Protein backbone atom coordinates (compact mmCIF):
# COMPACT_ATOMS: atom_id res chain seq x y z
CA MET A 1 17.24 4.17 8.67
CA ASN A 2 19.14 2.28 6.59
CA PHE A 3 18.03 -1.10 4.95
CA THR A 4 21.69 -3.04 5.01
CA HIS A 5 20.78 -6.25 7.07
CA LYS A 6 16.91 -5.61 8.03
CA ILE A 7 14.13 -8.34 7.74
CA ILE A 8 11.24 -6.45 5.42
CA TRP A 9 7.58 -7.90 4.93
CA ILE A 10 5.83 -6.62 1.87
CA THR A 11 2.62 -7.29 1.24
CA GLY A 12 1.40 -7.14 -2.62
CA ALA A 13 4.29 -8.41 -3.55
CA SER A 14 3.61 -9.60 -6.87
CA SER A 15 3.18 -7.22 -9.29
CA GLY A 16 3.50 -3.71 -9.71
CA ILE A 17 5.08 -1.43 -6.52
CA GLY A 18 5.26 -4.61 -4.00
CA LYS A 19 7.48 -6.09 -7.00
CA SER A 20 9.64 -3.04 -7.32
CA LEU A 21 10.55 -2.34 -3.71
CA ALA A 22 10.67 -6.09 -3.49
CA ILE A 23 13.63 -5.89 -6.41
CA GLU A 24 15.14 -2.56 -5.12
CA LEU A 25 15.37 -3.74 -1.59
CA SER A 26 17.05 -7.01 -2.70
CA LYS A 27 20.15 -4.99 -3.76
CA GLN A 28 20.42 -3.61 -0.65
CA ASN A 29 21.42 -6.72 1.69
CA THR A 30 18.30 -7.16 3.52
CA LYS A 31 16.23 -10.34 4.17
CA LEU A 32 12.48 -10.33 2.53
CA ILE A 33 9.14 -11.69 3.00
CA LEU A 34 7.32 -11.53 -0.13
CA SER A 35 3.73 -12.02 -0.04
CA SER A 36 0.31 -11.90 -1.76
CA ARG A 37 -2.26 -14.59 -2.87
CA ASN A 38 -0.58 -15.57 -6.18
CA GLU A 39 2.25 -17.92 -4.90
CA THR A 40 3.32 -18.39 -8.80
CA GLU A 41 4.10 -14.49 -9.73
CA LEU A 42 5.72 -14.39 -5.73
CA GLU A 43 8.64 -16.88 -7.19
CA LYS A 44 8.78 -14.84 -10.34
CA VAL A 45 9.11 -12.18 -8.50
CA LYS A 46 11.90 -14.00 -6.12
CA SER A 47 13.77 -14.86 -9.18
CA GLN A 48 14.38 -11.28 -9.86
CA CYS A 49 15.62 -10.58 -6.88
CA LYS A 50 19.10 -10.35 -6.05
CA ASN A 51 20.30 -12.84 -3.19
CA SER A 52 17.34 -14.90 -3.85
CA SER A 53 18.08 -17.22 -0.61
CA ASN A 54 17.68 -13.69 1.66
CA VAL A 55 14.34 -14.24 -0.02
CA LYS A 56 11.32 -15.60 1.91
CA ILE A 57 7.63 -16.39 0.56
CA LEU A 58 4.42 -16.69 2.32
CA THR A 59 0.98 -16.17 0.93
CA LEU A 60 -1.69 -14.53 2.26
CA ASP A 61 -5.04 -13.18 1.47
CA LEU A 62 -5.87 -9.87 3.09
CA GLU A 63 -9.32 -10.22 2.07
CA ASP A 64 -9.33 -13.43 5.19
CA TYR A 65 -8.44 -11.20 7.70
CA ASN A 66 -8.84 -13.31 10.67
CA SER A 67 -6.01 -15.48 9.42
CA LEU A 68 -3.74 -12.97 9.55
CA GLN A 69 -2.63 -13.70 12.84
CA ALA A 70 -1.28 -17.00 12.09
CA LYS A 71 0.30 -15.57 9.12
CA THR A 72 2.44 -13.37 11.32
CA PHE A 73 3.44 -15.85 13.19
CA GLU A 74 4.64 -17.72 10.09
CA ALA A 75 5.90 -14.40 9.28
CA LEU A 76 8.54 -14.30 12.42
CA LYS A 77 9.77 -17.61 11.91
CA LEU A 78 11.41 -17.09 8.79
CA PHE A 79 13.89 -15.05 9.66
CA ASP A 80 13.68 -14.95 13.36
CA GLY A 81 11.99 -11.58 13.30
CA ILE A 82 11.25 -8.27 11.30
CA ASP A 83 11.83 -4.88 11.08
CA VAL A 84 9.60 -2.92 8.37
CA LEU A 85 6.34 -4.13 7.25
CA PHE A 86 5.21 -2.52 4.08
CA ASN A 87 1.35 -2.67 3.87
CA ASN A 88 0.84 -2.73 0.54
CA GLY A 89 -1.39 -5.14 -0.88
CA GLY A 90 -5.03 -3.37 -2.09
CA ILE A 91 -7.63 -3.13 -4.23
CA SER A 92 -9.09 -0.46 -6.53
CA GLN A 93 -12.78 0.52 -8.03
CA ARG A 94 -13.94 2.03 -10.50
CA SER A 95 -18.11 2.82 -10.61
CA LEU A 96 -20.28 5.85 -9.44
CA ALA A 97 -21.56 5.25 -5.98
CA LYS A 98 -25.01 5.06 -7.25
CA ASN A 99 -23.88 1.71 -9.66
CA THR A 100 -21.62 0.12 -6.49
CA THR A 101 -23.62 -2.86 -4.71
CA ILE A 102 -23.06 -2.70 -0.59
CA GLU A 103 -21.18 -6.35 -0.96
CA VAL A 104 -18.56 -4.20 -3.38
CA ASP A 105 -17.75 -1.60 -1.01
CA LYS A 106 -17.20 -4.18 1.53
CA ARG A 107 -14.84 -6.25 -0.22
CA ILE A 108 -12.54 -3.31 -0.89
CA MET A 109 -12.73 -2.12 3.42
CA ASP A 110 -12.41 -6.17 3.96
CA ILE A 111 -8.89 -5.66 1.98
CA ASN A 112 -7.56 -2.49 2.22
CA TYR A 113 -8.38 -1.38 5.29
CA LEU A 114 -9.19 -4.28 7.90
CA GLY A 115 -6.50 -6.45 6.33
CA THR A 116 -4.23 -3.94 6.28
CA ILE A 117 -4.85 -2.93 10.24
CA ALA A 118 -5.58 -6.53 11.21
CA LEU A 119 -1.73 -7.68 9.98
CA THR A 120 -0.64 -4.29 11.42
CA LYS A 121 -2.05 -5.10 14.95
CA ALA A 122 -0.57 -9.01 14.68
CA LEU A 123 2.78 -7.63 14.13
CA LEU A 124 2.59 -4.57 16.70
CA PRO A 125 3.62 -6.51 19.82
CA HIS A 126 6.44 -7.53 18.13
CA PHE A 127 7.32 -4.36 17.20
CA ILE A 128 6.50 -3.28 21.03
CA ASP A 129 8.69 -5.63 22.63
CA LYS A 130 11.69 -4.82 20.80
CA ASN A 131 11.10 -1.60 20.81
CA SER A 132 11.60 -0.32 17.04
CA GLY A 133 9.83 -1.22 13.84
CA HIS A 134 8.54 0.91 10.94
CA PHE A 135 4.74 0.18 9.30
CA VAL A 136 4.97 1.67 5.79
CA VAL A 137 1.70 1.96 4.57
CA THR A 138 0.60 2.19 0.97
CA THR A 139 -2.80 4.71 0.77
CA SER A 140 -3.47 7.24 -1.95
CA ILE A 141 -3.28 10.71 -3.31
CA VAL A 142 -7.20 9.72 -3.17
CA GLY A 143 -6.98 9.14 0.53
CA LYS A 144 -6.54 13.01 0.67
CA ILE A 145 -8.53 13.83 -1.91
CA GLY A 146 -11.81 11.89 -3.03
CA THR A 147 -12.38 11.77 -6.84
CA PRO A 148 -15.41 10.19 -8.95
CA LEU A 149 -15.54 6.75 -9.18
CA ARG A 150 -13.52 5.93 -6.08
CA SER A 151 -15.90 6.49 -3.86
CA SER A 152 -15.40 3.30 -1.51
CA TYR A 153 -11.43 3.18 -2.87
CA SER A 154 -10.99 6.19 -1.61
CA ALA A 155 -12.94 5.53 2.09
CA SER A 156 -10.96 2.98 2.22
CA LYS A 157 -7.40 4.73 1.77
CA HIS A 158 -8.91 7.82 4.34
CA ALA A 159 -9.52 5.32 6.78
CA LEU A 160 -6.10 3.87 6.79
CA HIS A 161 -4.57 7.83 7.64
CA GLY A 162 -6.92 7.83 10.51
CA PHE A 163 -5.95 4.82 11.99
CA PHE A 164 -2.20 4.95 11.25
CA ASP A 165 -1.68 8.71 12.28
CA SER A 166 -3.56 7.95 15.48
CA LEU A 167 -1.21 4.75 15.73
CA ARG A 168 2.06 6.88 15.28
CA ALA A 169 1.19 8.78 18.71
CA GLU A 170 0.24 5.78 20.39
CA VAL A 171 3.48 3.76 19.57
CA TYR A 172 5.89 7.04 19.28
CA GLN A 173 7.36 6.09 22.80
CA ASN A 174 8.17 2.77 21.51
CA ASN A 175 10.32 4.17 18.88
CA ILE A 176 8.05 2.72 16.33
CA LYS A 177 7.56 5.28 12.91
CA VAL A 178 4.73 5.07 10.70
CA THR A 179 5.27 6.03 7.20
CA LEU A 180 2.02 6.94 4.85
CA ALA A 181 2.86 6.90 1.22
CA CYS A 182 0.36 8.51 -1.07
CA PRO A 183 0.94 7.76 -5.15
CA GLY A 184 -0.32 9.57 -7.61
CA PHE A 185 -0.72 7.85 -10.84
CA VAL A 186 1.86 4.66 -11.01
CA GLN A 187 2.28 2.09 -14.42
CA THR A 188 0.79 -0.63 -12.60
CA ASN A 189 -2.46 -3.13 -13.12
CA VAL A 190 -4.06 -1.76 -10.28
CA SER A 191 -6.76 0.15 -13.05
CA VAL A 192 -6.94 -3.55 -14.71
CA ASN A 193 -8.06 -5.65 -11.61
CA ALA A 194 -10.14 -2.78 -10.10
CA LEU A 195 -13.51 -3.49 -9.37
CA THR A 196 -16.88 -2.11 -10.76
CA GLY A 197 -20.36 -1.97 -9.27
CA ASP A 198 -21.15 -5.54 -9.41
CA GLY A 199 -17.71 -6.27 -8.60
CA THR A 200 -16.53 -7.82 -11.52
CA PRO A 201 -12.58 -5.87 -12.76
CA GLN A 202 -12.34 -3.31 -15.26
CA GLN A 203 -10.28 -5.44 -17.21
CA LYS A 204 -8.81 -2.55 -19.07
CA MET A 205 -5.73 -0.01 -18.22
CA ASP A 206 -7.30 3.96 -17.49
CA THR A 207 -5.01 5.99 -19.83
CA SER A 208 -3.79 8.37 -16.92
CA THR A 209 -2.31 5.27 -15.11
CA GLN A 210 -0.62 3.92 -18.03
CA ASN A 211 0.92 7.85 -18.27
CA GLY A 212 1.84 7.60 -14.60
CA LEU A 213 5.37 7.19 -13.71
CA THR A 214 7.18 3.55 -13.46
CA SER A 215 6.71 1.29 -10.57
CA GLU A 216 10.46 1.31 -10.69
CA THR A 217 10.91 4.86 -10.12
CA PHE A 218 7.88 5.42 -7.98
CA ALA A 219 10.01 2.39 -5.25
CA LYS A 220 13.20 4.12 -5.74
CA LEU A 221 11.73 7.38 -4.25
CA LEU A 222 9.32 6.07 -1.64
CA LEU A 223 12.49 4.10 0.01
CA LYS A 224 14.21 7.50 0.12
CA ALA A 225 11.43 8.89 2.04
CA VAL A 226 11.40 5.69 4.23
CA LYS A 227 15.19 5.93 4.88
CA LYS A 228 14.28 9.79 5.94
CA GLU A 229 11.45 8.22 8.57
CA LYS A 230 9.19 10.66 6.77
CA GLN A 231 5.83 10.69 8.50
CA GLU A 232 3.91 11.42 4.89
CA VAL A 233 4.57 10.99 1.74
CA TYR A 234 3.08 12.52 -1.73
CA ILE A 235 4.58 10.73 -4.92
CA GLY A 236 3.05 11.28 -8.27
CA GLY A 237 3.13 13.62 -11.33
CA PHE A 238 2.90 17.89 -11.17
CA LYS A 239 -1.20 17.45 -10.82
CA GLU A 240 -1.41 14.79 -8.09
CA LYS A 241 0.32 17.30 -5.68
CA LEU A 242 -1.17 20.39 -6.94
CA GLY A 243 -4.49 18.73 -5.84
CA VAL A 244 -2.90 17.94 -2.36
CA PHE A 245 -1.93 21.81 -1.75
CA THR A 246 -4.88 23.36 -3.31
CA LYS A 247 -7.38 20.71 -0.88
CA ARG A 248 -5.26 22.17 2.15
CA PHE A 249 -5.10 25.72 0.93
CA PHE A 250 -8.33 25.82 -1.52
CA PRO A 251 -10.85 23.03 -0.75
CA LYS A 252 -13.60 24.99 -2.42
CA LEU A 253 -11.49 25.10 -5.58
CA LEU A 254 -10.54 21.89 -5.43
CA SER A 255 -14.38 21.02 -5.63
CA ILE A 256 -15.01 22.80 -8.85
CA MET A 257 -11.92 21.07 -10.27
CA ILE A 258 -12.91 17.15 -9.34
CA ARG A 259 -16.54 18.06 -10.02
CA LYS A 260 -15.14 18.93 -14.23
CA LEU A 261 -13.15 16.03 -14.20
CA ALA A 262 -14.49 13.29 -16.91
CA VAL A 263 -17.04 10.84 -15.37
CA THR A 264 -18.45 7.76 -17.21
């Protein structure tokens, strides 16, 4: 796959991984649609993109998933089509399951899972009609491994794997690709904005996040994987990748390792 002349839609594009993807892709002669709830921050990202005349902004709220069909119609009109959708928007969690209200559980699922698949389903007919397209989905290493303080977040990311693995098989004959990207720790505001048990943001950065990959490095590695049309890719430090390996081949050992993680 070559990104040149491709029309690419990125959710969660106002900061972090989405912002870095936008800036990197803008260097590759693409047309970009940048989406999030924050129009002001999207404008800032656009100003940092090369050839900003080829960048359009479309605000949306993944939590309001019933609005995403109409938003998709708007997106398709901006450049008369879409070739790649980066499903990157989402929200994290930092709270014990016993302290997390069901309202928080629902909000995380609404944003991370239902919002993502609603947007995907809205765009899918377009991909089927043109017999091509690529869905890139930012999940997480915890979409493969559940860890403390992230029960609902992990569940929402596991759900994405189930949905998109099924979808990949269903649309194979339509030449539609699916790449599931599993970040480890990346230096973004994901932990700052993470919901606590009562739904308020944590408002501080985890040490592990602060010491993670830069979002710029992550974006470059992800784009390499998408170009190769990889089905699933793990991008992170040694410990995160080791966790995936251990889960597959030594699940009991991983359970012991997970129990020893700090819980506060």
